Amino acid sequence: MIYTPMPWKNFKIGSYWLRQTPISKIYAEHKEASSLYEYNDVSTPMKVLDLLGQVPWRINKKVLDV
């Protein structure tokens, strides 16, 4: 990992620094589904994703050799 991911700010912005990455795939025409994120508390899943993003990656050299 070159740098740690950006913390999640809302369900549309987080993870990658150079482009916006939504938490889940919600298409623009599904306004009902996207409105559910606004009315519900999604702070806990965002905290979990932030913690997972801070875990350093390591290459398994044995598997890489195969």
C-alpha atoms as a PDB file:
ATOM      1  CA  MET A   1       0.000   0.000   0.000  1.00  0.00           C
ATOM      2  CA  ILE A   2       1.497   3.308  -1.026  1.00  0.00           C
ATOM      3  CA  TYR A   3      -0.717   5.416   1.238  1.00  0.00           C
ATOM      4  CA  THR A   4      -3.710   4.816   3.445  1.00  0.00           C
ATOM      5  CA  PRO A   5      -7.141   5.212   1.860  1.00  0.00           C
ATOM      6  CA  MET A   6      -9.252   8.294   2.407  1.00  0.00           C
ATOM      7  CA  PRO A   7     -11.731   7.902   5.292  1.00  0.00           C
ATOM      8  CA  TRP A   8     -15.380   7.496   4.325  1.00  0.00           C
ATOM      9  CA  LYS A   9     -17.293  10.782   4.543  1.00  0.00           C
ATOM     10  CA  ASN A  10     -20.645   9.553   3.242  1.00  0.00           C
ATOM     11  CA  PHE A  11     -21.874   6.619   1.177  1.00  0.00           C
ATOM     12  CA  LYS A  12     -20.515   8.118  -2.045  1.00  0.00           C
ATOM     13  CA  ILE A  13     -17.101   9.488  -1.026  1.00  0.00           C
ATOM     14  CA  GLY A  14     -14.317   7.412   0.439  1.00  0.00           C
ATOM     15  CA  SER A  15     -11.494   4.951  -0.139  1.00  0.00           C
ATOM     16  CA  TYR A  16      -9.655   6.120  -3.285  1.00  0.00           C
ATOM     17  CA  TRP A  17      -8.117   9.576  -3.364  1.00  0.00           C
ATOM     18  CA  LEU A  18      -8.286  10.153  -7.112  1.00  0.00           C
ATOM     19  CA  ARG A  19     -11.865   9.078  -7.804  1.00  0.00           C
ATOM     20  CA  GLN A  20     -15.090   8.760  -5.883  1.00  0.00           C
ATOM     21  CA  THR A  21     -16.009   5.221  -4.906  1.00  0.00           C
ATOM     22  CA  PRO A  22     -19.503   4.422  -3.632  1.00  0.00           C
ATOM     23  CA  ILE A  23     -19.961   1.907  -0.808  1.00  0.00           C
ATOM     24  CA  SER A  24     -22.395  -0.099  -2.911  1.00  0.00           C
ATOM     25  CA  LYS A  25     -23.510  -0.073  -6.507  1.00  0.00           C
ATOM     26  CA  ILE A  26     -26.564   2.149  -6.655  1.00  0.00           C
ATOM     27  CA  TYR A  27     -27.535   3.452 -10.034  1.00  0.00           C
ATOM     28  CA  ALA A  28     -28.660   7.040 -10.433  1.00  0.00           C
ATOM     29  CA  GLU A  29     -32.181   6.021 -11.457  1.00  0.00           C
ATOM     30  CA  HIS A  30     -32.728   4.176  -8.148  1.00  0.00           C
ATOM     31  CA  LYS A  31     -33.606   7.218  -6.080  1.00  0.00           C
ATOM     32  CA  GLU A  32     -35.439   5.127  -3.462  1.00  0.00           C
ATOM     33  CA  ALA A  33     -32.335   3.081  -2.679  1.00  0.00           C
ATOM     34  CA  SER A  34     -30.052   6.103  -2.506  1.00  0.00           C
ATOM     35  CA  SER A  35     -32.496   7.931  -0.232  1.00  0.00           C
ATOM     36  CA  LEU A  36     -32.303   5.045   2.271  1.00  0.00           C
ATOM     37  CA  TYR A  37     -28.652   5.903   2.905  1.00  0.00           C
ATOM     38  CA  GLU A  38     -29.637   9.436   3.844  1.00  0.00           C
ATOM     39  CA  TYR A  39     -32.223   8.338   6.427  1.00  0.00           C
ATOM     40  CA  ASN A  40     -30.278   5.474   8.030  1.00  0.00           C
ATOM     41  CA  ASP A  41     -27.121   5.520  10.109  1.00  0.00           C
ATOM     42  CA  VAL A  42     -24.286   4.005   8.065  1.00  0.00           C
ATOM     43  CA  SER A  43     -21.485   5.292  10.290  1.00  0.00           C
ATOM     44  CA  THR A  44     -20.690   1.824  11.685  1.00  0.00           C
ATOM     45  CA  PRO A  45     -20.062   0.183   8.275  1.00  0.00           C
ATOM     46  CA  MET A  46     -17.993   3.229   7.274  1.00  0.00           C
ATOM     47  CA  LYS A  47     -15.855   2.853  10.424  1.00  0.00           C
ATOM     48  CA  VAL A  48     -15.345  -0.828   9.633  1.00  0.00           C
ATOM     49  CA  LEU A  49     -14.287  -0.004   6.072  1.00  0.00           C
ATOM     50  CA  ASP A  50     -11.855   2.618   7.426  1.00  0.00           C
ATOM     51  CA  LEU A  51     -10.317   0.013   9.753  1.00  0.00           C
ATOM     52  CA  LEU A  52     -10.021  -2.528   6.928  1.00  0.00           C
ATOM     53  CA  GLY A  53      -8.389   0.093   4.740  1.00  0.00           C
ATOM     54  CA  GLN A  54      -5.665   0.647   7.332  1.00  0.00           C
ATOM     55  CA  VAL A  55      -4.562  -3.016   7.326  1.00  0.00           C
ATOM     56  CA  PRO A  56      -1.231  -3.244   5.479  1.00  0.00           C
ATOM     57  CA  TRP A  57      -1.043  -5.653   2.564  1.00  0.00           C
ATOM     58  CA  ARG A  58       1.637  -8.270   2.235  1.00  0.00           C
ATOM     59  CA  ILE A  59       2.469 -10.422  -0.783  1.00  0.00           C
ATOM     60  CA  ASN A  60       2.549 -14.161  -0.176  1.00  0.00           C
ATOM     61  CA  LYS A  61       5.742 -15.031  -2.058  1.00  0.00           C
ATOM     62  CA  LYS A  62       5.022 -18.774  -2.140  1.00  0.00           C
ATOM     63  CA  VAL A  63       1.710 -18.199  -3.869  1.00  0.00           C
ATOM     64  CA  LEU A  64       3.271 -15.590  -6.154  1.00  0.00           C
ATOM     65  CA  ASP A  65       5.917 -18.094  -7.280  1.00  0.00           C
ATOM     66  CA  VAL A  66       3.228 -20.623  -8.235  1.00  0.00           C
END
